[in-house]
Amino acid sequence: MISSVSTIQLNKLIELQRGYFKSELLKMNYFRTPEGRQLYELSLSE
């Protein structure tokens, strides 16, 4: 069964995932990409 998820809920879930991955990268002392971009500049897929 497929449940319906609102756009707002989906956006919140994506931001939670993004925050999780960002915090994990920070724990590993990863602050910038090799190209010099900071973590807050990256999308979830990057």
N, C-alpha and C. Protein backbone atom coordinates (compact mmCIF):
# COMPACT_ATOMS: atom_id res chain seq x y z
N MET A 1 0.84 -1.18 0.00
CA MET A 1 0.00 0.00 0.00
C MET A 1 0.89 1.25 0.00
N ILE A 2 0.58 2.17 -0.84
CA ILE A 2 1.34 3.42 -0.94
C ILE A 2 0.58 4.50 -0.18
N SER A 3 1.26 5.15 0.74
CA SER A 3 0.61 6.23 1.48
C SER A 3 0.95 7.57 0.85
N SER A 4 0.10 8.52 1.07
CA SER A 4 0.28 9.85 0.51
C SER A 4 1.13 10.70 1.46
N VAL A 5 2.11 11.39 0.92
CA VAL A 5 2.97 12.27 1.71
C VAL A 5 2.89 13.66 1.09
N SER A 6 2.64 14.65 1.91
CA SER A 6 2.54 16.01 1.39
C SER A 6 3.92 16.54 1.00
N THR A 7 3.92 17.54 0.18
CA THR A 7 5.16 18.18 -0.25
C THR A 7 5.91 18.76 0.94
N ILE A 8 5.18 19.32 1.87
CA ILE A 8 5.80 19.91 3.06
C ILE A 8 6.50 18.83 3.87
N GLN A 9 5.83 17.68 4.06
CA GLN A 9 6.44 16.58 4.81
C GLN A 9 7.67 16.06 4.09
N LEU A 10 7.58 15.95 2.78
CA LEU A 10 8.71 15.46 2.00
C LEU A 10 9.91 16.40 2.12
N ASN A 11 9.65 17.70 2.02
CA ASN A 11 10.73 18.68 2.16
C ASN A 11 11.37 18.61 3.54
N LYS A 12 10.57 18.41 4.58
CA LYS A 12 11.11 18.29 5.94
C LYS A 12 12.00 17.05 6.06
N LEU A 13 11.56 15.95 5.47
CA LEU A 13 12.35 14.72 5.51
C LEU A 13 13.67 14.89 4.78
N ILE A 14 13.64 15.56 3.65
CA ILE A 14 14.87 15.80 2.89
C ILE A 14 15.83 16.67 3.70
N GLU A 15 15.32 17.69 4.36
CA GLU A 15 16.18 18.56 5.17
C GLU A 15 16.76 17.80 6.37
N LEU A 16 15.97 16.88 6.93
CA LEU A 16 16.49 16.05 8.03
C LEU A 16 17.65 15.17 7.55
N GLN A 17 17.48 14.56 6.38
CA GLN A 17 18.55 13.74 5.83
C GLN A 17 19.78 14.57 5.53
N ARG A 18 19.57 15.73 4.95
CA ARG A 18 20.69 16.62 4.61
C ARG A 18 21.45 17.01 5.88
N GLY A 19 20.71 17.34 6.94
CA GLY A 19 21.33 17.69 8.21
C GLY A 19 22.11 16.53 8.81
N TYR A 20 21.55 15.33 8.70
CA TYR A 20 22.24 14.15 9.22
C TYR A 20 23.57 13.94 8.50
N PHE A 21 23.53 13.96 7.17
CA PHE A 21 24.76 13.73 6.41
C PHE A 21 25.78 14.84 6.66
N LYS A 22 25.30 16.06 6.78
CA LYS A 22 26.20 17.19 7.06
C LYS A 22 26.88 17.00 8.42
N SER A 23 26.13 16.59 9.43
CA SER A 23 26.73 16.40 10.75
C SER A 23 27.72 15.24 10.74
N GLU A 24 27.42 14.19 9.99
CA GLU A 24 28.36 13.07 9.89
C GLU A 24 29.66 13.49 9.20
N LEU A 25 29.56 14.29 8.16
CA LEU A 25 30.76 14.79 7.47
C LEU A 25 31.57 15.69 8.39
N LEU A 26 30.89 16.54 9.17
CA LEU A 26 31.60 17.42 10.10
C LEU A 26 32.34 16.62 11.17
N LYS A 27 31.76 15.51 11.62
CA LYS A 27 32.42 14.65 12.60
C LYS A 27 33.73 14.09 12.04
N MET A 28 33.78 13.93 10.71
CA MET A 28 34.98 13.40 10.06
C MET A 28 35.92 14.52 9.61
N ASN A 29 35.68 15.75 10.12
CA ASN A 29 36.48 16.93 9.76
C ASN A 29 36.44 17.25 8.27
N TYR A 30 35.31 17.02 7.66
CA TYR A 30 35.12 17.33 6.25
C TYR A 30 34.30 18.61 6.18
N PHE A 31 34.94 19.71 5.80
CA PHE A 31 34.27 21.01 5.80
C PHE A 31 34.04 21.57 4.40
N ARG A 32 34.85 21.14 3.44
CA ARG A 32 34.75 21.65 2.07
C ARG A 32 34.99 20.51 1.09
N THR A 33 34.45 20.70 -0.10
CA THR A 33 34.72 19.74 -1.17
C THR A 33 36.11 20.02 -1.73
N PRO A 34 36.66 19.11 -2.51
CA PRO A 34 37.96 19.39 -3.14
C PRO A 34 37.92 20.64 -4.04
N GLU A 35 36.71 21.00 -4.51
CA GLU A 35 36.57 22.20 -5.35
C GLU A 35 36.44 23.47 -4.51
N GLY A 36 36.42 23.34 -3.19
CA GLY A 36 36.34 24.50 -2.31
C GLY A 36 34.94 24.90 -1.89
N ARG A 37 33.94 24.13 -2.26
CA ARG A 37 32.56 24.44 -1.86
C ARG A 37 32.31 23.99 -0.43
N GLN A 38 31.58 24.79 0.32
CA GLN A 38 31.27 24.44 1.70
C GLN A 38 30.05 23.52 1.75
N LEU A 39 29.90 22.81 2.87
CA LEU A 39 28.82 21.83 2.98
C LEU A 39 27.44 22.43 2.78
N TYR A 40 27.20 23.63 3.31
CA TYR A 40 25.87 24.22 3.17
C TYR A 40 25.50 24.54 1.72
N GLU A 41 26.50 24.59 0.84
CA GLU A 41 26.26 24.89 -0.57
C GLU A 41 25.84 23.65 -1.37
N LEU A 42 25.98 22.48 -0.78
CA LEU A 42 25.73 21.24 -1.51
C LEU A 42 24.29 20.81 -1.39
N SER A 43 23.79 20.18 -2.47
CA SER A 43 22.48 19.56 -2.41
C SER A 43 22.63 18.16 -1.82
N LEU A 44 21.52 17.52 -1.53
CA LEU A 44 21.58 16.18 -0.95
C LEU A 44 22.25 15.20 -1.89
N SER A 45 22.04 15.34 -3.18
CA SER A 45 22.61 14.39 -4.14
C SER A 45 24.12 14.59 -4.34
N GLU A 46 24.63 15.76 -3.98
CA GLU A 46 26.05 16.02 -4.15
C GLU A 46 26.81 15.46 -2.97
